[in-house]
Amino acid sequence: MSLGEIETDATPDQVAAALAVGLGRIYRRLRQVKADSSSLTLPESSALARLDRGGPATSAELARREQISPQSMGPTLQSLERQGLIERAADPADGRRQILTVSDAGARVLHSRRSERTERLAQTLAGHFSAEERAQLQTAAPLLERLAERL
């Protein structure tokens, strides 16, 4: 089936398999787009982006969101803090806990990376996809976002 052909009787398993392959390839290709100002490792990039999207969190909460152990999260957070990309502050409700937030520098790194990835996507869409195909992708975008939220 090519883009443009819509199969209406696809099973959930068939759709899931097709999405896993296609989105996996897109994710890997976009990961290759590096901002000059950023040499973050994949775990650092993922933790910083999750903290940005999810808002302030403790290291344990962030580890849960990333589905890794708090021990594995520790070195990643230490590196992000050394680079000035995150900040720690005492939790006003419990002074024993530290709340992590994305610093201004961290937000700039994320914005730069997102801008380069968005530009790469836009160039590819403009150069290799028809207006009709772009409209189909635009229609699918909210569905993909909802799928991501439910996983």
Foldseek 3Di string as FASTA:
>chain_A
DDQVDDDPPDDPVRVVVVCCVVVVVLVVVLVPQAQPVDPADPLLLVLLVCCAVVDKDFLCVSCVVVVHHSVVSVVSVVVCVVVVQKDWDADPVHRVTIIIHGDPVNVVRVVRSVVRSVVVVVVCCVPPHDPVSVVVVVVCVVVVVVVVVVD
